[in-house]
Each structure stands twice: as C-alpha cells, then as structure tokens.
Amino acid sequence: MIKQRILLLATIALSIVIAPNTLAAPDSPEYLGQFLPGLVPNVTDFEKVVFKFTPVDKIKGQLTLPDGAHLTATRLIDPKSMESTVLALLAEEDGEPPVMFVDNNGDGALTDDEKYVLRRSKEDNPYLWETTAELKLKEGTFKTYPIFLRYFRSIREDKMTANDRLVTQSTEVLARGVVDVGGKKVTVQYAYDLAKKKIDPQNGWLGVDTDGNGEVDLSELSPEATKANAESVIFRSGDLYVSTKKADAGKNQIVMRGHEAKEYKRAELYVGKEFPEFTFTDFDGKKRKFSEFRGKYVLLDVWGFWCPPCRKELPYLREAHRRFKARNLELIGLNTDEDYTIDSMKKGLNESGMNWTHAQFTSVLNFLKKELRISSFPTTFLITPEGKILSMSRSDRDELDLRGADLLESLDETLPAL
C-alpha cells in the first residue's frame, strides 16, 4: 500500500502488543451505539493507477460519449479482493469537467448510469479532480462500498506518455457509527473487511470524534484517529476516555467502555501547543531530555534509513543544518531503524553527513508508539525556543512546509537573522 508522502512503519506497529480488553477495570461504564447505513472510503491510504489511451471501439458497454473526447481506461483495484478487476474509463472533453465511468455492478461493461462527473478538489486548482464511485455489494449489512478517485490532470510520472492519465484510488473502507457516550452522540469509525464482512476494532484504522463536530479527522497526527495493532486504543471524548469493546456490523451493535484519565497516554499535537517532554539515548550512549534543547528552534525528524522518502529528504536536512545552525537551529533525529548495531548506525550517520543529534530506536519506541502514534514517515516538527509546535508540515492545515526545498525557505523566513 502506498501512502501519500509516507510509508507505514511495520516494525513499530509490531513491536508492542497490548493484550485485548485489559485496559479497563471490570466495573468500567459501557456505552452503546449503532452503525450508520453507508461505508466511507479511507482516504489516508491510496494506490496509483495509470489510465491508458483507449479507442472508442475497444470499450465494452453502451455509453454516450462526446465526439472528440480523449478516452483512457484501466482496471481499478477492487477493495474486496485487492485485485485489479474493476473496469474504469476516463473521458475528457475540452471545456467540460472530466467524467469517469466505473463498472459498479461488476458485469464487465460500462453504461451511462455508471457515470461520475469529477469535481475540483479545490476551486482554485485546475489540476486536481475527484469523485467517489459506489460499487454494489450482493450481500451483507452494507449495500455499496466506495472508491475515492483523484485525477491529477497534466501530471506525468516516469514511463507515462502524453496520452496517459494519473489517478489515485482508495483501497480501504470504513464503517461509521454513533455511540451515546455520557449523553452525547459521538461519531466513531472502524476499518471494515469487505472480504470477511467484519470489523476488528483492535486492528486497522479506527477513530472517534473528539471535538464534537460530527466528523472523524483522519489527517496526519490527528488525535481522532490511529491505526491499531492488536491493541485496545483509548480516545478522549470531551472529558471522558473510551475504547471499543465490540463492533459487530452484522448485529448493528457498538459497545465502548470507559477508562480513567491516567490510562490515556496519547499526546494531542496542535500548532501552538507545547511539544511533550521525552527522554532518549543518543548514539554515544548518553541519556538526553528534549527539554535540554529549550532556547533553540528544533527541527525534530522521525526517520529511518529503511524509508525511501526519508532518504530523499536527507540533502535538505543536511543543508538546513549547515545553513541555519548559526541562526539558533538544532536538528534532532528520532531513528526508526530496527536492525542495527550502534557501530553500524554511527558509521551510516557519518557516511551520510548527518552530524546532528540522533535518538536510538529502542529509546523512543514507546514514545512514538503510545504517545505520538506516528505511522507516517518521515514526520517532521518545527518547534520554537519556548518548546511550542510551530509546524507539523501538514498541507491540509496550511502549515509551514518542512519538505524538500520548501524546508529551507520556511526556515529562512522563520529563524532570526544573523
């Protein structure tokens, strides 16, 4: 699975296993809820697919297509089987929004009633278009399942021709529900296994609406969502703390249980909020505390040699360290490479020119897993001399960009001049 700008770190996810249903006391309160009718796409994970030029006489089905339209087709990945079996056609006519036809009923042909008109992802961006196709389910609790599709107009990748079209699609779905938590209606959601028609609330993506706006925020570092791995995850809902005991779509039943505040370990991260204190061991074996870097701007980078996007950022991090160290910038790397020796890692850091402070993986594992719950790599924070978060590089929040050449520009604009 490809995740936008990120990779999932399996080593962290598998390193800590919490025994199911052991976090709450036997007399903990329980809260009941039910599922909403429709599934929703999980837009945090996606796959790239390339639509290829297709003559009109090669298209199976009865379609009404405008003369002169540019036609490309492919097979989308079916989230039920994870195989490329869903026929799709992209039609583009000058001066009109792009149109996509998707084989909703799985009969191998396309018809006019399987048509989706794409809309702009943002009104001022003519290059990003999106829609959500609804594929039919023959049995089970839910009648359809969605695939979120985003078309990147005029964007080409390696080996694509001028006639090809780049599209990303979701491959996971979420079941949403509403639970009565202490008299408040709280929206929840869980990864839904289309093949098994089941939900496992201790594995996969899940979320709880903590701010009461009726939606679960799936964006990076959101305290409302995470990916569980054989664990009961506790969320905050107002001044209450809850985890999911049971989520049975077949019986249309959700059961959540309450917890004490002290059991809630997650650090909720927002711009302007103080970054949590943590300790670590560097590669010289020295015990360190994050608070000892107060008084400096800190670029905190969660990375690993195993991660291609992390390695891609290294030239910019090296330049940031060289150019801005004299302007009160400190770099700290939280390493996520699992299999290494101290000597081999020190050698790798030296050969890569990464001569700034780095934390050993084992010394920050619990912090990354339990408190930050990071599953996207690299993840980078810019923190003020007072210890407050200035940016988490989230494009959806219009924060300072901490990626690539934009990192250098952001630092130049932010740090005090010499």
Protein backbone atom coordinates (compact mmCIF):
# COMPACT_ATOMS: atom_id res chain seq x y z
CA MET A 1 0.00 0.00 0.00
CA ILE A 2 1.34 3.41 -0.92
CA LYS A 3 0.56 6.26 1.38
CA GLN A 4 0.83 9.84 0.20
CA ARG A 5 4.32 11.17 1.04
CA ILE A 6 4.72 8.45 3.64
CA LEU A 7 5.26 4.78 4.40
CA LEU A 8 3.81 2.75 7.23
CA LEU A 9 6.46 1.52 9.66
CA ALA A 10 5.64 -2.12 10.32
CA THR A 11 8.48 -2.54 12.77
CA ILE A 12 6.95 -0.06 15.20
CA ALA A 13 3.43 -1.39 14.74
CA LEU A 14 4.54 -4.94 15.53
CA SER A 15 6.91 -4.15 18.35
CA ILE A 16 4.35 -3.51 21.09
CA VAL A 17 1.34 -5.74 21.57
CA ILE A 18 -1.21 -4.89 24.24
CA ALA A 19 -3.44 -7.72 25.39
CA PRO A 20 -7.01 -7.13 24.21
CA ASN A 21 -9.60 -5.76 26.63
CA THR A 22 -7.23 -5.50 29.57
CA LEU A 23 -7.07 -1.74 29.89
CA ALA A 24 -10.35 -1.07 31.69
CA ALA A 25 -11.49 -2.12 35.14
CA PRO A 26 -14.28 -4.72 35.33
CA ASP A 27 -16.77 -2.14 36.59
CA SER A 28 -15.99 0.41 33.88
CA PRO A 29 -19.06 2.07 32.32
CA GLU A 30 -20.18 0.89 28.90
CA TYR A 31 -21.67 2.97 26.09
CA LEU A 32 -23.84 1.62 23.29
CA GLY A 33 -24.26 2.66 19.67
CA GLN A 34 -25.19 1.57 16.16
CA PHE A 35 -23.76 1.84 12.66
CA LEU A 36 -24.82 4.31 10.00
CA PRO A 37 -26.08 2.87 6.70
CA GLY A 38 -23.18 3.57 4.34
CA LEU A 39 -19.46 2.83 4.22
CA VAL A 40 -16.95 5.63 3.58
CA PRO A 41 -13.56 5.45 1.81
CA ASN A 42 -10.37 5.58 3.82
CA VAL A 43 -8.55 8.42 2.08
CA THR A 44 -5.34 8.12 4.11
CA ASP A 45 -4.11 5.16 2.04
CA PHE A 46 -4.14 5.00 -1.74
CA GLU A 47 -2.75 3.30 -4.81
CA LYS A 48 -1.66 4.90 -8.06
CA VAL A 49 -3.22 3.67 -11.28
CA VAL A 50 -2.46 4.78 -14.84
CA PHE A 51 -5.23 5.15 -17.39
CA LYS A 52 -4.09 4.28 -20.92
CA PHE A 53 -5.39 5.71 -24.20
CA THR A 54 -8.29 3.58 -25.47
CA PRO A 55 -10.13 3.87 -28.82
CA VAL A 56 -13.89 4.09 -28.51
CA ASP A 57 -14.43 0.80 -30.33
CA LYS A 58 -12.46 -1.03 -27.64
CA ILE A 59 -14.81 -0.01 -24.83
CA LYS A 60 -17.26 -2.64 -23.59
CA GLY A 61 -20.76 -1.35 -22.92
CA GLN A 62 -23.35 1.14 -24.12
CA LEU A 63 -22.11 4.66 -23.50
CA THR A 64 -22.98 8.14 -24.66
CA LEU A 65 -19.64 9.81 -25.29
CA PRO A 66 -18.99 13.26 -26.77
CA ASP A 67 -17.28 13.38 -30.16
CA GLY A 68 -13.59 14.06 -29.91
CA ALA A 69 -13.30 13.23 -26.21
CA HIS A 70 -9.95 11.91 -25.02
CA LEU A 71 -10.56 8.40 -23.66
CA THR A 72 -8.34 6.42 -21.29
CA ALA A 73 -9.15 3.22 -19.43
CA THR A 74 -7.77 0.89 -16.77
CA ARG A 75 -8.72 -1.71 -14.19
CA LEU A 76 -9.12 -0.30 -10.69
CA ILE A 77 -8.19 -2.31 -7.62
CA ASP A 78 -11.25 -3.89 -6.04
CA PRO A 79 -11.02 -3.43 -2.23
CA LYS A 80 -12.84 -6.76 -1.76
CA SER A 81 -10.17 -8.85 -3.46
CA MET A 82 -7.28 -6.33 -3.78
CA GLU A 83 -7.03 -7.37 -7.44
CA SER A 84 -7.25 -5.09 -10.49
CA THR A 85 -10.66 -6.16 -11.78
CA VAL A 86 -12.89 -3.06 -11.84
CA LEU A 87 -13.23 -1.59 -15.34
CA ALA A 88 -12.99 2.21 -15.46
CA LEU A 89 -12.98 4.81 -18.24
CA LEU A 90 -11.93 8.46 -18.06
CA ALA A 91 -13.47 10.77 -20.69
CA GLU A 92 -12.21 14.33 -21.18
CA GLU A 93 -13.89 16.93 -23.35
CA ASP A 94 -12.46 20.40 -23.89
CA GLY A 95 -14.13 22.98 -21.63
CA GLU A 96 -16.03 20.39 -19.59
CA PRO A 97 -15.30 18.65 -16.28
CA PRO A 98 -13.72 15.19 -16.66
CA VAL A 99 -16.12 12.25 -16.49
CA MET A 100 -15.41 8.75 -15.21
CA PHE A 101 -17.37 5.57 -15.81
CA VAL A 102 -16.87 2.77 -13.29
CA ASP A 103 -18.26 -0.76 -13.54
CA ASN A 104 -20.37 -0.57 -10.37
CA ASN A 105 -22.17 -3.90 -10.78
CA GLY A 106 -19.18 -5.97 -11.85
CA ASP A 107 -20.64 -7.20 -15.16
CA GLY A 108 -17.52 -6.22 -17.11
CA ALA A 109 -19.26 -3.49 -19.14
CA LEU A 110 -19.93 0.24 -18.75
CA THR A 111 -23.24 2.06 -19.07
CA ASP A 112 -24.43 5.66 -18.75
CA ASP A 113 -25.85 5.05 -15.27
CA GLU A 114 -22.31 4.23 -14.06
CA LYS A 115 -21.14 7.76 -14.83
CA TYR A 116 -19.43 10.09 -12.32
CA VAL A 117 -18.70 13.74 -13.06
CA LEU A 118 -15.46 14.77 -11.37
CA ARG A 119 -15.25 17.93 -9.31
CA ARG A 120 -12.24 20.04 -8.46
CA SER A 121 -10.51 19.08 -5.22
CA LYS A 122 -10.02 22.81 -4.64
CA GLU A 123 -11.82 25.52 -6.56
CA ASP A 124 -8.59 27.35 -7.43
CA ASN A 125 -6.71 24.22 -8.57
CA PRO A 126 -7.46 23.12 -12.16
CA TYR A 127 -5.14 20.10 -11.90
CA LEU A 128 -6.79 18.06 -9.14
CA TRP A 129 -10.18 16.46 -9.75
CA GLU A 130 -12.01 13.88 -7.65
CA THR A 131 -15.08 11.71 -7.27
CA THR A 132 -16.28 8.71 -5.29
CA ALA A 133 -17.59 5.63 -7.09
CA GLU A 134 -20.04 3.34 -5.30
CA LEU A 135 -19.67 -0.37 -6.11
CA LYS A 136 -22.52 -2.72 -5.34
CA LEU A 137 -22.43 -5.46 -2.71
CA LYS A 138 -24.60 -8.52 -3.28
CA GLU A 139 -24.95 -9.43 0.39
CA GLY A 140 -24.13 -8.25 3.88
CA THR A 141 -25.02 -5.30 6.09
CA PHE A 142 -23.96 -2.63 3.61
CA LYS A 143 -25.33 -2.26 0.07
CA THR A 144 -22.39 -0.48 -1.59
CA TYR A 145 -18.75 0.27 -0.96
CA PRO A 146 -16.92 3.40 -2.10
CA ILE A 147 -13.71 4.01 -4.01
CA PHE A 148 -12.36 7.54 -3.74
CA LEU A 149 -10.70 8.62 -7.01
CA ARG A 150 -8.45 11.60 -7.61
CA TYR A 151 -7.30 12.58 -11.11
CA PHE A 152 -4.05 14.54 -11.48
CA ARG A 153 -4.57 16.45 -14.70
CA SER A 154 -1.43 17.27 -16.72
CA ILE A 155 0.80 15.40 -14.25
CA ARG A 156 3.06 12.69 -15.65
CA GLU A 157 5.30 10.20 -13.89
CA ASP A 158 8.11 8.05 -15.26
CA LYS A 159 7.20 5.90 -18.25
CA MET A 160 3.85 7.68 -18.75
CA THR A 161 3.10 9.01 -22.24
CA ALA A 162 1.31 12.24 -23.10
CA ASN A 163 -1.89 10.23 -23.63
CA ASP A 164 -1.76 8.51 -20.23
CA ARG A 165 -3.57 9.81 -17.15
CA LEU A 166 -2.54 9.50 -13.48
CA VAL A 167 -5.21 8.64 -10.91
CA THR A 168 -5.04 7.58 -7.28
CA GLN A 169 -7.67 5.41 -5.65
CA SER A 170 -8.56 4.35 -2.12
CA THR A 171 -8.43 0.64 -1.33
CA GLU A 172 -9.89 0.52 2.18
CA VAL A 173 -13.32 1.35 3.56
CA LEU A 174 -14.58 2.45 6.96
CA ALA A 175 -17.82 1.70 8.76
CA ARG A 176 -19.20 4.68 10.67
CA GLY A 177 -21.49 4.70 13.66
CA VAL A 178 -22.84 6.81 16.51
CA VAL A 179 -22.39 5.96 20.19
CA ASP A 180 -24.12 7.56 23.18
CA VAL A 181 -21.16 8.50 25.40
CA GLY A 182 -22.34 10.08 28.63
CA GLY A 183 -25.40 11.56 26.95
CA LYS A 184 -23.53 12.85 23.89
CA LYS A 185 -23.85 11.40 20.41
CA VAL A 186 -20.27 10.60 19.35
CA THR A 187 -19.28 9.59 15.80
CA VAL A 188 -16.94 6.60 15.56
CA GLN A 189 -15.48 4.65 12.65
CA TYR A 190 -13.63 1.40 12.04
CA ALA A 191 -11.81 -0.36 9.21
CA TYR A 192 -14.26 -2.75 7.54
CA ASP A 193 -13.02 -6.01 6.00
CA LEU A 194 -15.08 -6.37 2.82
CA ALA A 195 -13.98 -9.96 2.22
CA LYS A 196 -14.84 -11.17 5.73
CA LYS A 197 -17.68 -8.66 6.26
CA LYS A 198 -16.30 -7.97 9.72
CA ILE A 199 -14.76 -5.30 11.91
CA ASP A 200 -11.86 -5.87 14.27
CA PRO A 201 -11.61 -2.75 16.48
CA GLN A 202 -8.21 -3.85 17.78
CA ASN A 203 -6.61 -3.90 14.33
CA GLY A 204 -6.62 -1.42 11.46
CA TRP A 205 -7.78 2.18 11.25
CA LEU A 206 -10.27 3.44 13.80
CA GLY A 207 -11.32 6.81 15.09
CA VAL A 208 -13.50 8.78 17.49
CA ASP A 209 -14.83 12.31 17.03
CA THR A 210 -13.21 14.05 19.99
CA ASP A 211 -14.14 17.67 19.22
CA GLY A 212 -17.87 17.12 18.69
CA ASN A 213 -18.08 18.33 15.08
CA GLY A 214 -19.64 15.07 13.88
CA GLU A 215 -16.63 14.01 11.79
CA VAL A 216 -13.53 11.91 12.46
CA ASP A 217 -10.36 13.70 11.38
CA LEU A 218 -8.13 11.19 9.55
CA SER A 219 -5.36 13.66 8.75
CA GLU A 220 -1.77 13.08 9.81
CA LEU A 221 -1.19 13.29 13.57
CA SER A 222 -4.89 13.81 14.29
CA PRO A 223 -5.78 12.73 17.86
CA GLU A 224 -9.10 11.47 16.49
CA ALA A 225 -7.70 8.51 14.55
CA THR A 226 -4.95 5.93 14.55
CA LYS A 227 -4.03 2.51 13.21
CA ALA A 228 -4.36 -0.16 15.89
CA ASN A 229 -2.26 -3.29 16.03
CA ALA A 230 -3.63 -5.96 18.41
CA GLU A 231 -4.48 -3.31 20.99
CA SER A 232 -7.38 -1.50 22.60
CA VAL A 233 -6.84 2.16 21.76
CA ILE A 234 -8.15 4.78 24.18
CA PHE A 235 -9.55 8.04 22.81
CA ARG A 236 -10.64 11.17 24.59
CA SER A 237 -14.25 12.26 24.09
CA GLY A 238 -14.67 15.57 25.88
CA ASP A 239 -13.77 14.81 29.48
CA LEU A 240 -14.39 11.06 29.08
CA TYR A 241 -11.97 8.39 27.88
CA VAL A 242 -13.19 5.42 25.86
CA SER A 243 -12.07 2.38 23.90
CA THR A 244 -14.09 -0.04 21.77
CA LYS A 245 -15.05 -3.35 23.34
CA LYS A 246 -17.16 -4.63 20.45
CA ALA A 247 -18.08 -3.52 16.92
CA ASP A 248 -20.40 -6.01 15.20
CA ALA A 249 -21.72 -4.75 11.87
CA GLY A 250 -23.88 -7.85 11.36
CA LYS A 251 -25.75 -7.23 14.61
CA ASN A 252 -25.52 -3.46 14.18
CA GLN A 253 -24.00 -3.08 17.63
CA ILE A 254 -21.15 -0.98 19.01
CA VAL A 255 -20.04 -1.26 22.64
CA MET A 256 -17.48 1.15 24.10
CA ARG A 257 -16.07 1.15 27.60
CA GLY A 258 -14.86 3.95 29.84
CA HIS A 259 -11.37 4.49 31.24
CA GLU A 260 -9.68 6.66 33.82
CA ALA A 261 -7.83 9.73 32.57
CA LYS A 262 -4.49 8.32 33.73
CA GLU A 263 -4.84 5.47 31.23
CA TYR A 264 -4.87 7.89 28.31
CA LYS A 265 -1.29 8.08 27.01
CA ARG A 266 -1.70 9.87 23.71
CA ALA A 267 -0.10 13.27 23.20
CA GLU A 268 -2.53 15.55 21.35
CA LEU A 269 -0.49 17.66 18.98
CA TYR A 270 -1.53 21.06 17.65
CA VAL A 271 0.28 24.12 16.34
CA GLY A 272 0.86 26.43 19.30
CA LYS A 273 0.79 23.60 21.85
CA GLU A 274 3.86 22.63 23.84
CA PHE A 275 5.59 19.55 22.49
CA PRO A 276 5.61 16.79 25.11
CA GLU A 277 8.72 16.09 27.13
CA PHE A 278 10.52 12.85 26.35
CA THR A 279 13.83 11.19 27.07
CA PHE A 280 16.12 9.33 24.71
CA THR A 281 19.55 7.78 24.38
CA ASP A 282 21.81 9.12 21.64
CA PHE A 283 24.29 7.03 19.66
CA ASP A 284 27.10 7.87 22.07
CA GLY A 285 25.06 6.20 24.81
CA LYS A 286 24.25 9.49 26.53
CA LYS A 287 20.85 9.92 28.21
CA ARG A 288 19.14 13.04 26.94
CA LYS A 289 15.95 15.04 27.55
CA PHE A 290 14.10 17.06 24.97
CA SER A 291 13.77 19.97 27.39
CA GLU A 292 17.55 20.49 27.38
CA PHE A 293 17.15 21.99 23.89
CA ARG A 294 14.95 24.85 25.13
CA GLY A 295 16.11 28.20 23.87
CA LYS A 296 16.66 26.86 20.34
CA TYR A 297 14.47 26.25 17.36
CA VAL A 298 14.30 22.48 16.96
CA LEU A 299 13.68 20.55 13.76
CA LEU A 300 12.56 17.16 15.08
CA ASP A 301 12.63 14.49 12.39
CA VAL A 302 11.18 10.98 12.76
CA TRP A 303 13.01 8.99 10.10
CA GLY A 304 14.82 5.78 9.13
CA PHE A 305 17.31 4.52 6.55
CA TRP A 306 14.70 1.86 5.65
CA CYS A 307 12.35 4.61 4.40
CA PRO A 308 12.89 5.90 0.79
CA PRO A 309 11.00 9.20 1.38
CA CYS A 310 13.19 9.79 4.45
CA ARG A 311 16.37 9.28 2.43
CA LYS A 312 15.03 11.66 -0.20
CA GLU A 313 14.86 14.41 2.43
CA LEU A 314 18.44 13.97 3.64
CA PRO A 315 20.08 16.51 1.28
CA TYR A 316 17.69 19.20 2.50
CA LEU A 317 18.22 18.29 6.15
CA ARG A 318 21.99 18.45 5.68
CA GLU A 319 21.67 21.86 4.04
CA ALA A 320 19.33 23.06 6.79
CA HIS A 321 21.86 22.02 9.42
CA ARG A 322 24.73 23.68 7.56
CA ARG A 323 22.89 26.88 6.72
CA PHE A 324 20.83 27.54 9.84
CA LYS A 325 22.80 26.16 12.79
CA ALA A 326 24.24 29.62 13.34
CA ARG A 327 20.69 31.00 13.38
CA ASN A 328 19.75 29.04 16.50
CA LEU A 329 18.52 25.85 14.82
CA GLU A 330 19.06 22.39 16.30
CA LEU A 331 18.24 19.15 14.48
CA ILE A 332 17.19 16.01 16.35
CA GLY A 333 16.56 12.75 14.55
CA LEU A 334 14.35 10.07 16.09
CA ASN A 335 15.63 6.96 14.35
CA THR A 336 13.24 4.11 13.44
CA ASP A 337 15.68 1.56 12.02
CA GLU A 338 15.15 -1.66 13.93
CA ASP A 339 18.04 -3.91 12.90
CA TYR A 340 21.33 -2.20 13.55
CA THR A 341 24.32 -2.12 15.85
CA ILE A 342 25.49 1.08 17.45
CA ASP A 343 28.70 0.99 15.42
CA SER A 344 26.92 0.33 12.12
CA MET A 345 24.44 3.15 12.73
CA LYS A 346 27.17 5.61 13.72
CA LYS A 347 29.01 4.66 10.53
CA GLY A 348 25.86 5.16 8.44
CA LEU A 349 25.17 8.55 10.01
CA ASN A 350 28.74 9.66 9.44
CA GLU A 351 28.82 8.50 5.82
CA SER A 352 25.51 10.28 5.20
CA GLY A 353 26.79 13.54 6.66
CA MET A 354 24.12 13.52 9.38
CA ASN A 355 26.26 15.01 12.12
CA TRP A 356 23.47 16.15 14.42
CA THR A 357 21.80 14.56 17.45
CA HIS A 358 20.00 11.26 16.89
CA ALA A 359 17.96 9.08 19.25
CA GLN A 360 18.32 5.32 19.25
CA PHE A 361 15.21 3.47 18.06
CA THR A 362 14.73 1.45 21.23
CA SER A 363 14.90 4.55 23.41
CA VAL A 364 11.98 6.29 21.63
CA LEU A 365 9.86 3.30 20.61
CA ASN A 366 7.28 3.68 23.38
CA PHE A 367 7.12 7.44 22.84
CA LEU A 368 6.47 7.06 19.11
CA LYS A 369 4.05 4.17 19.50
CA LYS A 370 2.00 5.08 22.57
CA GLU A 371 2.17 8.87 22.79
CA LEU A 372 2.71 10.24 19.29
CA ARG A 373 1.23 7.19 17.49
CA ILE A 374 3.16 8.05 14.35
CA SER A 375 2.57 5.85 11.32
CA SER A 376 3.80 8.21 8.60
CA PHE A 377 7.44 8.61 7.70
CA PRO A 378 9.16 10.94 7.66
CA THR A 379 7.25 13.02 10.19
CA THR A 380 8.84 16.36 10.97
CA PHE A 381 8.13 19.05 13.57
CA LEU A 382 9.43 22.59 13.85
CA ILE A 383 9.42 23.70 17.48
CA THR A 384 10.01 27.16 18.93
CA PRO A 385 12.64 28.04 21.58
CA GLU A 386 9.78 28.01 24.09
CA GLY A 387 9.04 24.38 23.19
CA LYS A 388 5.81 25.03 21.26
CA ILE A 389 4.90 23.43 17.94
CA LEU A 390 5.29 25.86 15.06
CA SER A 391 4.58 23.40 12.23
CA MET A 392 3.92 19.71 11.67
CA SER A 393 4.17 20.22 7.89
CA ARG A 394 0.52 19.33 7.28
CA SER A 395 -0.55 20.72 3.91
CA ASP A 396 -4.23 20.30 4.83
CA ARG A 397 -3.75 22.84 7.63
CA ASP A 398 -1.70 25.38 5.64
CA GLU A 399 1.28 24.95 7.93
CA LEU A 400 4.88 25.80 7.10
CA ASP A 401 6.17 23.26 4.59
CA LEU A 402 9.03 21.21 6.02
CA ARG A 403 9.69 19.09 2.91
CA GLY A 404 12.31 19.40 0.20
CA ALA A 405 13.47 22.83 -0.89
CA ASP A 406 10.44 24.37 0.84
CA LEU A 407 12.02 23.40 4.18
CA LEU A 408 14.91 25.75 3.53
CA GLU A 409 12.57 28.56 2.52
CA SER A 410 10.39 28.05 5.61
CA LEU A 411 13.41 28.11 7.91
CA ASP A 412 14.83 31.21 6.26
CA GLU A 413 11.53 33.03 6.77
CA THR A 414 11.14 31.89 10.37
CA LEU A 415 14.53 31.89 12.05
CA PRO A 416 16.11 35.08 13.38
CA ALA A 417 18.58 36.76 11.07
CA LEU A 418 22.26 36.84 11.94
